[in-house]
């Protein structure tokens, strides 16, 4: 295996294509994912800065897809917690190019971003004909200052042809495949109307890893019927799979969902911030130290959020997690070991 790690002031898309093409010929590109000095966990922002040498942001895209648990293929109605309008501002009436241009203008002005990753986020972004997928991904990469792709999807929507397509992109660009899991328990997945099993996730991970794709997964903490021990068991399971990154989300309730109805019926208790922060730290402690942490909590616009209201103040919530890490004098991977995976 050859490690390829170059550093310039800020990569152009042409630089990225060259680095990945050379790396693919020589061996698998593996960039260091360890936390930077002074950080207690491996932040995605730090990884991107080391990778590209400048401030890089994702731009969320709605490319017009649906989901197999919406269109009747495996279920109808979608996941009980899901309203894509709460997290994906993309307008599917606009082309990928227009959405990216709008996103670039906003992120440059607000955050000083210099380069961007096209994030196909809304619904299931591998649920379509391979030629259609390729056309959309190519359109994104053709936009100026787009240095990579992030593809959000489900574990039951990555057939061999799609994985082969994504593997081909890794020879010329930076790419993440995001596979939603949410829970390591099939009965919870059934309750959520996910329409797939944990076994399907295992299979998708195995086949993606055979192609050396960078993999991120999503976990929701606080799902109905799950205890803290259940949630940590899911995280331990994921820690054993060799994944490259993880997103931790708290369960929140957004408008116009089945979950909102259940919440108003008193059937969905939610975690307080005082419960959530220690739980996140428990999760960080048992994750591999090199696994990138892409998120520590979810968020939703004020206009869409029903509860919990503490998540509207994201800065305070993240500060509370940081304080808990400091209070315990702990860090990501502190309790990670082969033995702990089976605890």
C-alpha atoms as a PDB file:
ATOM      1  CA  UNK A   1       0.000   0.000   0.000  1.00  0.00           C
ATOM      2  CA  UNK A   2       1.312   3.449  -0.917  1.00  0.00           C
ATOM      3  CA  UNK A   3       0.373   6.445   1.191  1.00  0.00           C
ATOM      4  CA  UNK A   4      -0.196   9.556  -0.889  1.00  0.00           C
ATOM      5  CA  UNK A   5      -0.430  12.796   1.061  1.00  0.00           C
ATOM      6  CA  UNK A   6       0.392  16.042  -0.684  1.00  0.00           C
ATOM      7  CA  UNK A   7      -0.143  19.554   0.622  1.00  0.00           C
ATOM      8  CA  UNK A   8      -0.531  22.770  -1.330  1.00  0.00           C
ATOM      9  CA  UNK A   9      -1.978  26.140  -0.361  1.00  0.00           C
ATOM     10  CA  UNK A  10      -5.390  25.083  -1.626  1.00  0.00           C
ATOM     11  CA  UNK A  11      -6.155  22.259  -4.016  1.00  0.00           C
ATOM     12  CA  UNK A  12      -7.860  22.994  -7.304  1.00  0.00           C
ATOM     13  CA  UNK A  13     -10.157  20.338  -8.789  1.00  0.00           C
ATOM     14  CA  UNK A  14      -7.354  19.613 -11.274  1.00  0.00           C
ATOM     15  CA  UNK A  15      -4.911  18.986  -8.411  1.00  0.00           C
ATOM     16  CA  UNK A  16      -7.387  16.601  -6.801  1.00  0.00           C
ATOM     17  CA  UNK A  17      -7.893  14.602  -9.988  1.00  0.00           C
ATOM     18  CA  UNK A  18      -4.124  14.326 -10.467  1.00  0.00           C
ATOM     19  CA  UNK A  19      -3.432  13.228  -6.881  1.00  0.00           C
ATOM     20  CA  UNK A  20      -6.142  10.590  -6.928  1.00  0.00           C
ATOM     21  CA  UNK A  21      -5.140   9.305 -10.357  1.00  0.00           C
ATOM     22  CA  UNK A  22      -1.506   8.888  -9.272  1.00  0.00           C
ATOM     23  CA  UNK A  23      -2.529   7.372  -5.957  1.00  0.00           C
ATOM     24  CA  UNK A  24      -4.820   4.870  -7.629  1.00  0.00           C
ATOM     25  CA  UNK A  25      -1.980   3.648  -9.837  1.00  0.00           C
ATOM     26  CA  UNK A  26       0.416   3.268  -6.917  1.00  0.00           C
ATOM     27  CA  UNK A  27      -1.953   1.969  -4.272  1.00  0.00           C
ATOM     28  CA  UNK A  28      -4.777   2.962  -1.977  1.00  0.00           C
ATOM     29  CA  UNK A  29      -4.792   6.560  -0.838  1.00  0.00           C
ATOM     30  CA  UNK A  30      -5.068   6.700   2.931  1.00  0.00           C
ATOM     31  CA  UNK A  31      -4.918  10.136   4.515  1.00  0.00           C
ATOM     32  CA  UNK A  32      -4.306  10.453   8.250  1.00  0.00           C
ATOM     33  CA  UNK A  33      -7.541  10.786  10.205  1.00  0.00           C
ATOM     34  CA  UNK A  34      -6.098  11.268  13.713  1.00  0.00           C
ATOM     35  CA  UNK A  35      -7.173  14.293  15.784  1.00  0.00           C
ATOM     36  CA  UNK A  36      -5.053  17.424  15.458  1.00  0.00           C
ATOM     37  CA  UNK A  37      -3.085  18.609  18.449  1.00  0.00           C
ATOM     38  CA  UNK A  38      -5.389  19.926  21.165  1.00  0.00           C
ATOM     39  CA  UNK A  39      -8.535  18.237  19.831  1.00  0.00           C
ATOM     40  CA  UNK A  40     -10.223  15.411  21.700  1.00  0.00           C
ATOM     41  CA  UNK A  41     -11.781  13.826  18.624  1.00  0.00           C
ATOM     42  CA  UNK A  42     -11.075  13.570  14.888  1.00  0.00           C
ATOM     43  CA  UNK A  43     -13.059  16.453  13.426  1.00  0.00           C
ATOM     44  CA  UNK A  44     -14.089  16.386   9.778  1.00  0.00           C
ATOM     45  CA  UNK A  45     -13.202  20.061   9.385  1.00  0.00           C
ATOM     46  CA  UNK A  46      -9.614  19.333  10.416  1.00  0.00           C
ATOM     47  CA  UNK A  47      -9.418  16.389   8.025  1.00  0.00           C
ATOM     48  CA  UNK A  48     -10.620  18.536   5.124  1.00  0.00           C
ATOM     49  CA  UNK A  49      -8.138  21.301   5.887  1.00  0.00           C
ATOM     50  CA  UNK A  50      -5.281  18.798   5.991  1.00  0.00           C
ATOM     51  CA  UNK A  51      -6.521  17.201   2.804  1.00  0.00           C
ATOM     52  CA  UNK A  52      -7.061  20.351   0.741  1.00  0.00           C
ATOM     53  CA  UNK A  53      -5.074  23.007   2.564  1.00  0.00           C
ATOM     54  CA  UNK A  54      -7.992  25.434   2.810  1.00  0.00           C
ATOM     55  CA  UNK A  55     -11.549  25.816   4.086  1.00  0.00           C
ATOM     56  CA  UNK A  56     -13.831  23.284   2.382  1.00  0.00           C
ATOM     57  CA  UNK A  57     -17.611  23.070   2.852  1.00  0.00           C
ATOM     58  CA  UNK A  58     -20.298  20.707   1.660  1.00  0.00           C
ATOM     59  CA  UNK A  59     -23.133  22.003  -0.492  1.00  0.00           C
ATOM     60  CA  UNK A  60     -26.357  20.050  -0.086  1.00  0.00           C
ATOM     61  CA  UNK A  61     -28.126  19.066  -3.313  1.00  0.00           C
ATOM     62  CA  UNK A  62     -31.617  17.780  -4.025  1.00  0.00           C
ATOM     63  CA  UNK A  63     -31.203  15.922  -7.321  1.00  0.00           C
ATOM     64  CA  UNK A  64     -34.817  14.774  -7.565  1.00  0.00           C
ATOM     65  CA  UNK A  65     -34.545  11.244  -6.164  1.00  0.00           C
ATOM     66  CA  UNK A  66     -37.020   9.346  -4.007  1.00  0.00           C
ATOM     67  CA  UNK A  67     -36.620   6.342  -1.660  1.00  0.00           C
ATOM     68  CA  UNK A  68     -37.739   2.711  -1.942  1.00  0.00           C
ATOM     69  CA  UNK A  69     -39.616   3.050   1.353  1.00  0.00           C
ATOM     70  CA  UNK A  70     -41.557   5.963  -0.115  1.00  0.00           C
ATOM     71  CA  UNK A  71     -42.482   4.757  -3.590  1.00  0.00           C
ATOM     72  CA  UNK A  72     -43.853   1.363  -2.530  1.00  0.00           C
ATOM     73  CA  UNK A  73     -40.860  -0.756  -3.551  1.00  0.00           C
ATOM     74  CA  UNK A  74     -40.236  -1.844   0.052  1.00  0.00           C
ATOM     75  CA  UNK A  75     -42.685   0.415   1.939  1.00  0.00           C
ATOM     76  CA  UNK A  76     -44.629   3.662   1.684  1.00  0.00           C
ATOM     77  CA  UNK A  77     -44.453   6.887   3.652  1.00  0.00           C
ATOM     78  CA  UNK A  78     -40.697   6.972   4.192  1.00  0.00           C
ATOM     79  CA  UNK A  79     -38.876   6.945   7.515  1.00  0.00           C
ATOM     80  CA  UNK A  80     -41.123   8.132  10.344  1.00  0.00           C
ATOM     81  CA  UNK A  81     -38.703  10.897  11.345  1.00  0.00           C
ATOM     82  CA  UNK A  82     -37.886  12.184   7.872  1.00  0.00           C
ATOM     83  CA  UNK A  83     -38.867  15.447   6.273  1.00  0.00           C
ATOM     84  CA  UNK A  84     -36.093  16.313   3.834  1.00  0.00           C
ATOM     85  CA  UNK A  85     -37.018  19.982   3.953  1.00  0.00           C
ATOM     86  CA  UNK A  86     -35.665  20.051   7.516  1.00  0.00           C
ATOM     87  CA  UNK A  87     -32.067  19.329   6.531  1.00  0.00           C
ATOM     88  CA  UNK A  88     -31.670  19.696   2.771  1.00  0.00           C
ATOM     89  CA  UNK A  89     -32.285  23.226   1.453  1.00  0.00           C
ATOM     90  CA  UNK A  90     -31.803  22.160  -2.161  1.00  0.00           C
ATOM     91  CA  UNK A  91     -34.612  22.953  -4.586  1.00  0.00           C
ATOM     92  CA  UNK A  92     -35.236  20.003  -6.876  1.00  0.00           C
ATOM     93  CA  UNK A  93     -36.767  22.299  -9.456  1.00  0.00           C
ATOM     94  CA  UNK A  94     -33.273  23.730 -10.000  1.00  0.00           C
ATOM     95  CA  UNK A  95     -30.442  21.948 -11.773  1.00  0.00           C
ATOM     96  CA  UNK A  96     -27.481  20.553  -9.877  1.00  0.00           C
ATOM     97  CA  UNK A  97     -25.333  23.335 -11.323  1.00  0.00           C
ATOM     98  CA  UNK A  98     -27.656  26.120 -10.173  1.00  0.00           C
ATOM     99  CA  UNK A  99     -27.955  24.629  -6.669  1.00  0.00           C
ATOM    100  CA  UNK A 100     -24.170  24.451  -6.414  1.00  0.00           C
ATOM    101  CA  UNK A 101     -23.687  28.011  -7.618  1.00  0.00           C
ATOM    102  CA  UNK A 102     -26.209  29.275  -5.072  1.00  0.00           C
ATOM    103  CA  UNK A 103     -24.552  27.245  -2.323  1.00  0.00           C
ATOM    104  CA  UNK A 104     -21.093  28.510  -3.206  1.00  0.00           C
ATOM    105  CA  UNK A 105     -22.172  32.151  -3.027  1.00  0.00           C
ATOM    106  CA  UNK A 106     -23.769  31.651   0.388  1.00  0.00           C
ATOM    107  CA  UNK A 107     -20.875  29.655   1.911  1.00  0.00           C
ATOM    108  CA  UNK A 108     -18.229  32.029   0.593  1.00  0.00           C
ATOM    109  CA  UNK A 109     -19.986  35.010   2.126  1.00  0.00           C
ATOM    110  CA  UNK A 110     -20.880  33.421   5.443  1.00  0.00           C
ATOM    111  CA  UNK A 111     -17.880  31.180   6.170  1.00  0.00           C
ATOM    112  CA  UNK A 112     -15.147  32.227   3.786  1.00  0.00           C
ATOM    113  CA  UNK A 113     -15.193  28.798   2.135  1.00  0.00           C
ATOM    114  CA  UNK A 114     -12.800  28.360  -0.784  1.00  0.00           C
ATOM    115  CA  UNK A 115     -13.538  24.875  -2.134  1.00  0.00           C
ATOM    116  CA  UNK A 116     -16.628  22.696  -1.990  1.00  0.00           C
ATOM    117  CA  UNK A 117     -17.913  19.131  -1.919  1.00  0.00           C
ATOM    118  CA  UNK A 118     -21.124  18.413  -3.797  1.00  0.00           C
ATOM    119  CA  UNK A 119     -23.288  16.614  -1.249  1.00  0.00           C
ATOM    120  CA  UNK A 120     -26.078  14.580  -2.814  1.00  0.00           C
ATOM    121  CA  UNK A 121     -28.103  14.486   0.391  1.00  0.00           C
ATOM    122  CA  UNK A 122     -31.851  14.517  -0.158  1.00  0.00           C
ATOM    123  CA  UNK A 123     -33.543  11.124  -0.275  1.00  0.00           C
ATOM    124  CA  UNK A 124     -31.608   8.155  -1.793  1.00  0.00           C
ATOM    125  CA  UNK A 125     -28.923   9.343  -4.178  1.00  0.00           C
ATOM    126  CA  UNK A 126     -28.023   6.016  -5.759  1.00  0.00           C
ATOM    127  CA  UNK A 127     -31.628   5.018  -6.411  1.00  0.00           C
ATOM    128  CA  UNK A 128     -31.705   5.310 -10.178  1.00  0.00           C
ATOM    129  CA  UNK A 129     -30.258   4.201 -13.466  1.00  0.00           C
ATOM    130  CA  UNK A 130     -26.456   4.207 -13.511  1.00  0.00           C
ATOM    131  CA  UNK A 131     -26.340   6.468 -16.567  1.00  0.00           C
ATOM    132  CA  UNK A 132     -28.574   8.999 -14.824  1.00  0.00           C
ATOM    133  CA  UNK A 133     -26.412   8.890 -11.702  1.00  0.00           C
ATOM    134  CA  UNK A 134     -23.254   9.391 -13.728  1.00  0.00           C
ATOM    135  CA  UNK A 135     -24.741  12.363 -15.537  1.00  0.00           C
ATOM    136  CA  UNK A 136     -25.678  14.070 -12.260  1.00  0.00           C
ATOM    137  CA  UNK A 137     -22.335  13.362 -10.586  1.00  0.00           C
ATOM    138  CA  UNK A 138     -20.450  14.563 -13.669  1.00  0.00           C
ATOM    139  CA  UNK A 139     -22.490  17.747 -13.745  1.00  0.00           C
ATOM    140  CA  UNK A 140     -21.480  18.469 -10.154  1.00  0.00           C
ATOM    141  CA  UNK A 141     -17.787  17.832 -10.768  1.00  0.00           C
ATOM    142  CA  UNK A 142     -17.814  20.090 -13.806  1.00  0.00           C
ATOM    143  CA  UNK A 143     -18.617  23.101 -11.605  1.00  0.00           C
ATOM    144  CA  UNK A 144     -15.767  25.378 -10.628  1.00  0.00           C
ATOM    145  CA  UNK A 145     -14.176  24.790  -7.196  1.00  0.00           C
ATOM    146  CA  UNK A 146     -15.977  21.468  -6.620  1.00  0.00           C
ATOM    147  CA  UNK A 147     -13.248  19.156  -5.307  1.00  0.00           C
ATOM    148  CA  UNK A 148     -15.296  16.075  -4.422  1.00  0.00           C
ATOM    149  CA  UNK A 149     -18.558  14.222  -4.007  1.00  0.00           C
ATOM    150  CA  UNK A 150     -20.497  12.953  -1.007  1.00  0.00           C
ATOM    151  CA  UNK A 151     -23.268  10.498  -1.873  1.00  0.00           C
ATOM    152  CA  UNK A 152     -25.960   9.844   0.721  1.00  0.00           C
ATOM    153  CA  UNK A 153     -27.912   6.631   0.286  1.00  0.00           C
ATOM    154  CA  UNK A 154     -29.392   3.492   1.836  1.00  0.00           C
ATOM    155  CA  UNK A 155     -27.636   0.131   2.256  1.00  0.00           C
ATOM    156  CA  UNK A 156     -30.239  -1.593   0.078  1.00  0.00           C
ATOM    157  CA  UNK A 157     -29.631   0.788  -2.850  1.00  0.00           C
ATOM    158  CA  UNK A 158     -26.012   0.122  -3.764  1.00  0.00           C
ATOM    159  CA  UNK A 159     -26.022  -2.639  -6.417  1.00  0.00           C
ATOM    160  CA  UNK A 160     -22.751  -3.765  -7.947  1.00  0.00           C
ATOM    161  CA  UNK A 161     -23.025  -1.441 -10.959  1.00  0.00           C
ATOM    162  CA  UNK A 162     -23.447   1.598  -8.700  1.00  0.00           C
ATOM    163  CA  UNK A 163     -20.505   0.640  -6.503  1.00  0.00           C
ATOM    164  CA  UNK A 164     -18.383   0.114  -9.615  1.00  0.00           C
ATOM    165  CA  UNK A 165     -19.359   3.601 -10.789  1.00  0.00           C
ATOM    166  CA  UNK A 166     -18.402   5.148  -7.455  1.00  0.00           C
ATOM    167  CA  UNK A 167     -15.133   3.232  -7.417  1.00  0.00           C
ATOM    168  CA  UNK A 168     -14.327   4.717 -10.807  1.00  0.00           C
ATOM    169  CA  UNK A 169     -14.875   8.221  -9.418  1.00  0.00           C
ATOM    170  CA  UNK A 170     -12.352   7.560  -6.655  1.00  0.00           C
ATOM    171  CA  UNK A 171      -9.636   7.370  -9.317  1.00  0.00           C
ATOM    172  CA  UNK A 172     -10.162  11.037 -10.119  1.00  0.00           C
ATOM    173  CA  UNK A 173     -11.838  12.809  -7.217  1.00  0.00           C
ATOM    174  CA  UNK A 174     -12.393  12.844  -3.479  1.00  0.00           C
ATOM    175  CA  UNK A 175     -15.499  10.804  -2.630  1.00  0.00           C
ATOM    176  CA  UNK A 176     -17.530   9.712   0.382  1.00  0.00           C
ATOM    177  CA  UNK A 177     -20.309   7.136   0.351  1.00  0.00           C
ATOM    178  CA  UNK A 178     -22.712   7.756   3.244  1.00  0.00           C
ATOM    179  CA  UNK A 179     -24.794   4.758   4.264  1.00  0.00           C
ATOM    180  CA  UNK A 180     -27.601   5.455   6.702  1.00  0.00           C
ATOM    181  CA  UNK A 181     -28.090   2.828   9.403  1.00  0.00           C
ATOM    182  CA  UNK A 182     -29.558   4.745  12.402  1.00  0.00           C
ATOM    183  CA  UNK A 183     -29.802   1.669  14.672  1.00  0.00           C
ATOM    184  CA  UNK A 184     -28.151  -1.725  15.003  1.00  0.00           C
ATOM    185  CA  UNK A 185     -31.483  -3.367  15.875  1.00  0.00           C
ATOM    186  CA  UNK A 186     -33.856  -4.728  13.250  1.00  0.00           C
ATOM    187  CA  UNK A 187     -36.924  -4.154  15.429  1.00  0.00           C
ATOM    188  CA  UNK A 188     -36.016  -0.456  15.664  1.00  0.00           C
ATOM    189  CA  UNK A 189     -35.481  -0.254  11.910  1.00  0.00           C
ATOM    190  CA  UNK A 190     -38.951  -1.762  11.454  1.00  0.00           C
ATOM    191  CA  UNK A 191     -40.439   0.814  13.833  1.00  0.00           C
ATOM    192  CA  UNK A 192     -38.735   3.569  11.837  1.00  0.00           C
ATOM    193  CA  UNK A 193     -40.138   2.150   8.572  1.00  0.00           C
ATOM    194  CA  UNK A 194     -36.607   1.973   7.162  1.00  0.00           C
ATOM    195  CA  UNK A 195     -37.441  -1.019   4.980  1.00  0.00           C
ATOM    196  CA  UNK A 196     -34.030  -2.682   5.301  1.00  0.00           C
ATOM    197  CA  UNK A 197     -32.185  -4.806   7.862  1.00  0.00           C
ATOM    198  CA  UNK A 198     -28.870  -4.678   9.675  1.00  0.00           C
ATOM    199  CA  UNK A 199     -27.778  -7.597   7.476  1.00  0.00           C
ATOM    200  CA  UNK A 200     -28.324  -5.419   4.403  1.00  0.00           C
ATOM    201  CA  UNK A 201     -26.055  -2.799   5.942  1.00  0.00           C
ATOM    202  CA  UNK A 202     -23.371  -5.410   6.632  1.00  0.00           C
ATOM    203  CA  UNK A 203     -23.531  -6.558   3.041  1.00  0.00           C
ATOM    204  CA  UNK A 204     -23.321  -3.043   1.625  1.00  0.00           C
ATOM    205  CA  UNK A 205     -20.326  -2.189   3.811  1.00  0.00           C
ATOM    206  CA  UNK A 206     -18.499  -5.362   2.794  1.00  0.00           C
ATOM    207  CA  UNK A 207     -19.005  -4.761  -0.931  1.00  0.00           C
ATOM    208  CA  UNK A 208     -18.100  -1.060  -0.688  1.00  0.00           C
ATOM    209  CA  UNK A 209     -14.941  -1.841   1.251  1.00  0.00           C
ATOM    210  CA  UNK A 210     -13.904  -4.347  -1.387  1.00  0.00           C
ATOM    211  CA  UNK A 211     -13.737  -1.331  -3.708  1.00  0.00           C
ATOM    212  CA  UNK A 212     -11.874   0.812  -1.152  1.00  0.00           C
ATOM    213  CA  UNK A 213     -14.631   3.413  -0.921  1.00  0.00           C
ATOM    214  CA  UNK A 214     -14.518   5.867   1.966  1.00  0.00           C
ATOM    215  CA  UNK A 215     -17.542   5.060   4.105  1.00  0.00           C
ATOM    216  CA  UNK A 216     -19.515   7.139   6.556  1.00  0.00           C
ATOM    217  CA  UNK A 217     -22.568   5.972   8.471  1.00  0.00           C
ATOM    218  CA  UNK A 218     -25.323   7.713  10.438  1.00  0.00           C
ATOM    219  CA  UNK A 219     -26.600   6.815  13.920  1.00  0.00           C
ATOM    220  CA  UNK A 220     -29.546   8.345  15.752  1.00  0.00           C
ATOM    221  CA  UNK A 221     -29.303   8.427  19.542  1.00  0.00           C
ATOM    222  CA  UNK A 222     -32.522   8.412  21.523  1.00  0.00           C
ATOM    223  CA  UNK A 223     -34.698   6.300  19.238  1.00  0.00           C
ATOM    224  CA  UNK A 224     -37.966   5.022  20.769  1.00  0.00           C
ATOM    225  CA  UNK A 225     -37.536   1.886  22.843  1.00  0.00           C
ATOM    226  CA  UNK A 226     -33.749   2.024  22.952  1.00  0.00           C
ATOM    227  CA  UNK A 227     -31.812   2.374  26.199  1.00  0.00           C
ATOM    228  CA  UNK A 228     -28.366   4.006  26.467  1.00  0.00           C
ATOM    229  CA  UNK A 229     -26.921   0.499  26.560  1.00  0.00           C
ATOM    230  CA  UNK A 230     -28.677  -0.324  23.268  1.00  0.00           C
ATOM    231  CA  UNK A 231     -27.310   2.839  21.654  1.00  0.00           C
ATOM    232  CA  UNK A 232     -23.774   2.078  22.780  1.00  0.00           C
ATOM    233  CA  UNK A 233     -24.141  -1.473  21.481  1.00  0.00           C
ATOM    234  CA  UNK A 234     -24.926  -0.041  18.034  1.00  0.00           C
ATOM    235  CA  UNK A 235     -21.836   2.184  18.220  1.00  0.00           C
ATOM    236  CA  UNK A 236     -19.650  -0.758  19.300  1.00  0.00           C
ATOM    237  CA  UNK A 237     -20.956  -2.760  16.376  1.00  0.00           C
ATOM    238  CA  UNK A 238     -20.039   0.048  13.976  1.00  0.00           C
ATOM    239  CA  UNK A 239     -16.632   0.462  15.603  1.00  0.00           C
ATOM    240  CA  UNK A 240     -15.839  -3.098  14.538  1.00  0.00           C
ATOM    241  CA  UNK A 241     -16.600  -2.597  10.831  1.00  0.00           C
ATOM    242  CA  UNK A 242     -13.603  -0.533   9.750  1.00  0.00           C
ATOM    243  CA  UNK A 243     -15.718   2.454   8.707  1.00  0.00           C
ATOM    244  CA  UNK A 244     -13.960   5.719   7.952  1.00  0.00           C
ATOM    245  CA  UNK A 245     -16.420   8.185   9.477  1.00  0.00           C
ATOM    246  CA  UNK A 246     -19.599   8.500  11.491  1.00  0.00           C
ATOM    247  CA  UNK A 247     -22.365  11.031  12.071  1.00  0.00           C
ATOM    248  CA  UNK A 248     -24.033  11.046  15.483  1.00  0.00           C
ATOM    249  CA  UNK A 249     -27.498  12.610  15.591  1.00  0.00           C
ATOM    250  CA  UNK A 250     -29.881  13.125  18.478  1.00  0.00           C
ATOM    251  CA  UNK A 251     -33.487  12.213  17.755  1.00  0.00           C
ATOM    252  CA  UNK A 252     -35.392  15.373  17.003  1.00  0.00           C
ATOM    253  CA  UNK A 253     -38.958  15.836  15.862  1.00  0.00           C
ATOM    254  CA  UNK A 254     -39.709  17.879  12.761  1.00  0.00           C
ATOM    255  CA  UNK A 255     -43.006  18.977  11.325  1.00  0.00           C
ATOM    256  CA  UNK A 256     -45.155  16.930   8.967  1.00  0.00           C
ATOM    257  CA  UNK A 257     -43.779  13.534   9.986  1.00  0.00           C
ATOM    258  CA  UNK A 258     -45.233  10.415  11.584  1.00  0.00           C
ATOM    259  CA  UNK A 259     -42.821  10.998  14.449  1.00  0.00           C
ATOM    260  CA  UNK A 260     -44.448  14.357  15.141  1.00  0.00           C
ATOM    261  CA  UNK A 261     -47.838  12.666  15.583  1.00  0.00           C
ATOM    262  CA  UNK A 262     -46.328  10.090  17.938  1.00  0.00           C
ATOM    263  CA  UNK A 263     -44.564  12.809  19.906  1.00  0.00           C
ATOM    264  CA  UNK A 264     -47.777  14.766  20.433  1.00  0.00           C
ATOM    265  CA  UNK A 265     -49.394  11.513  21.599  1.00  0.00           C
ATOM    266  CA  UNK A 266     -46.728  11.240  24.303  1.00  0.00           C
ATOM    267  CA  UNK A 267     -45.149   8.138  22.776  1.00  0.00           C
ATOM    268  CA  UNK A 268     -41.696   9.544  22.016  1.00  0.00           C
ATOM    269  CA  UNK A 269     -39.548  10.681  24.953  1.00  0.00           C
ATOM    270  CA  UNK A 270     -36.604  12.819  23.880  1.00  0.00           C
ATOM    271  CA  UNK A 271     -33.135  13.200  25.336  1.00  0.00           C
ATOM    272  CA  UNK A 272     -32.307  16.361  27.252  1.00  0.00           C
ATOM    273  CA  UNK A 273     -28.989  18.059  26.527  1.00  0.00           C
ATOM    274  CA  UNK A 274     -27.811  16.987  29.988  1.00  0.00           C
ATOM    275  CA  UNK A 275     -28.442  13.369  28.968  1.00  0.00           C
ATOM    276  CA  UNK A 276     -27.210  13.715  25.404  1.00  0.00           C
ATOM    277  CA  UNK A 277     -23.795  15.253  26.016  1.00  0.00           C
ATOM    278  CA  UNK A 278     -22.514  12.439  28.292  1.00  0.00           C
ATOM    279  CA  UNK A 279     -23.941   9.870  25.888  1.00  0.00           C
ATOM    280  CA  UNK A 280     -22.023  11.384  22.963  1.00  0.00           C
ATOM    281  CA  UNK A 281     -18.833  11.262  25.016  1.00  0.00           C
ATOM    282  CA  UNK A 282     -19.520   7.607  25.846  1.00  0.00           C
ATOM    283  CA  UNK A 283     -19.790   6.966  22.104  1.00  0.00           C
ATOM    284  CA  UNK A 284     -16.589   8.833  21.294  1.00  0.00           C
ATOM    285  CA  UNK A 285     -14.664   6.861  23.876  1.00  0.00           C
ATOM    286  CA  UNK A 286     -15.454   3.511  22.239  1.00  0.00           C
ATOM    287  CA  UNK A 287     -14.949   4.576  18.623  1.00  0.00           C
ATOM    288  CA  UNK A 288     -11.603   3.993  16.887  1.00  0.00           C
ATOM    289  CA  UNK A 289      -9.358   7.036  17.359  1.00  0.00           C
ATOM    290  CA  UNK A 290      -8.850   7.374  13.589  1.00  0.00           C
ATOM    291  CA  UNK A 291     -12.561   7.390  12.673  1.00  0.00           C
ATOM    292  CA  UNK A 292     -13.608  10.825  11.424  1.00  0.00           C
ATOM    293  CA  UNK A 293     -16.461  12.435  13.351  1.00  0.00           C
ATOM    294  CA  UNK A 294     -18.555  14.279  10.788  1.00  0.00           C
ATOM    295  CA  UNK A 295     -21.324  15.296  13.188  1.00  0.00           C
ATOM    296  CA  UNK A 296     -22.019  15.262  16.914  1.00  0.00           C
ATOM    297  CA  UNK A 297     -25.665  16.315  16.668  1.00  0.00           C
ATOM    298  CA  UNK A 298     -28.397  16.955  14.162  1.00  0.00           C
ATOM    299  CA  UNK A 299     -30.033  20.280  13.474  1.00  0.00           C
ATOM    300  CA  UNK A 300     -33.166  21.609  11.844  1.00  0.00           C
ATOM    301  CA  UNK A 301     -34.483  25.070  10.989  1.00  0.00           C
ATOM    302  CA  UNK A 302     -36.524  26.789  13.694  1.00  0.00           C
ATOM    303  CA  UNK A 303     -39.507  26.793  11.330  1.00  0.00           C
ATOM    304  CA  UNK A 304     -39.384  22.992  11.039  1.00  0.00           C
ATOM    305  CA  UNK A 305     -38.313  21.889  14.527  1.00  0.00           C
ATOM    306  CA  UNK A 306     -40.908  20.677  17.019  1.00  0.00           C
ATOM    307  CA  UNK A 307     -38.583  19.372  19.747  1.00  0.00           C
ATOM    308  CA  UNK A 308     -36.181  19.362  21.525  1.00  0.00           C
ATOM    309  CA  UNK A 309     -35.685  23.111  21.519  1.00  0.00           C
ATOM    310  CA  UNK A 310     -32.183  22.898  23.016  1.00  0.00           C
ATOM    311  CA  UNK A 311     -30.879  21.877  19.599  1.00  0.00           C
ATOM    312  CA  UNK A 312     -31.695  25.342  18.235  1.00  0.00           C
ATOM    313  CA  UNK A 313     -28.626  26.595  20.115  1.00  0.00           C
ATOM    314  CA  UNK A 314     -26.057  24.407  18.402  1.00  0.00           C
ATOM    315  CA  UNK A 315     -23.064  26.290  19.749  1.00  0.00           C
ATOM    316  CA  UNK A 316     -24.141  25.780  23.348  1.00  0.00           C
ATOM    317  CA  UNK A 317     -24.868  22.102  22.731  1.00  0.00           C
ATOM    318  CA  UNK A 318     -21.436  21.496  21.201  1.00  0.00           C
ATOM    319  CA  UNK A 319     -19.823  23.438  24.036  1.00  0.00           C
ATOM    320  CA  UNK A 320     -21.600  21.185  26.532  1.00  0.00           C
ATOM    321  CA  UNK A 321     -20.157  18.110  24.794  1.00  0.00           C
ATOM    322  CA  UNK A 322     -16.689  19.694  24.816  1.00  0.00           C
ATOM    323  CA  UNK A 323     -17.049  20.474  28.513  1.00  0.00           C
ATOM    324  CA  UNK A 324     -17.992  16.862  29.232  1.00  0.00           C
ATOM    325  CA  UNK A 325     -14.893  15.656  27.382  1.00  0.00           C
ATOM    326  CA  UNK A 326     -12.768  18.024  29.442  1.00  0.00           C
ATOM    327  CA  UNK A 327     -14.494  17.178  32.712  1.00  0.00           C
ATOM    328  CA  UNK A 328     -13.741  13.497  32.217  1.00  0.00           C
ATOM    329  CA  UNK A 329     -10.273  14.256  30.810  1.00  0.00           C
ATOM    330  CA  UNK A 330     -11.144  11.854  28.031  1.00  0.00           C
ATOM    331  CA  UNK A 331     -10.945  11.631  24.250  1.00  0.00           C
ATOM    332  CA  UNK A 332     -12.039   9.611  21.221  1.00  0.00           C
ATOM    333  CA  UNK A 333     -10.817   6.026  21.366  1.00  0.00           C
ATOM    334  CA  UNK A 334      -9.916   6.035  25.047  1.00  0.00           C
ATOM    335  CA  UNK A 335     -11.946   2.900  25.661  1.00  0.00           C
ATOM    336  CA  UNK A 336     -11.635   1.478  22.167  1.00  0.00           C
ATOM    337  CA  UNK A 337     -10.114  -1.979  22.000  1.00  0.00           C
ATOM    338  CA  UNK A 338     -10.905  -5.337  20.474  1.00  0.00           C
ATOM    339  CA  UNK A 339     -12.088  -6.492  23.884  1.00  0.00           C
ATOM    340  CA  UNK A 340     -14.461  -3.541  24.283  1.00  0.00           C
ATOM    341  CA  UNK A 341     -16.198  -4.315  21.005  1.00  0.00           C
ATOM    342  CA  UNK A 342     -17.763  -7.410  22.488  1.00  0.00           C
ATOM    343  CA  UNK A 343     -18.555  -5.834  25.859  1.00  0.00           C
END
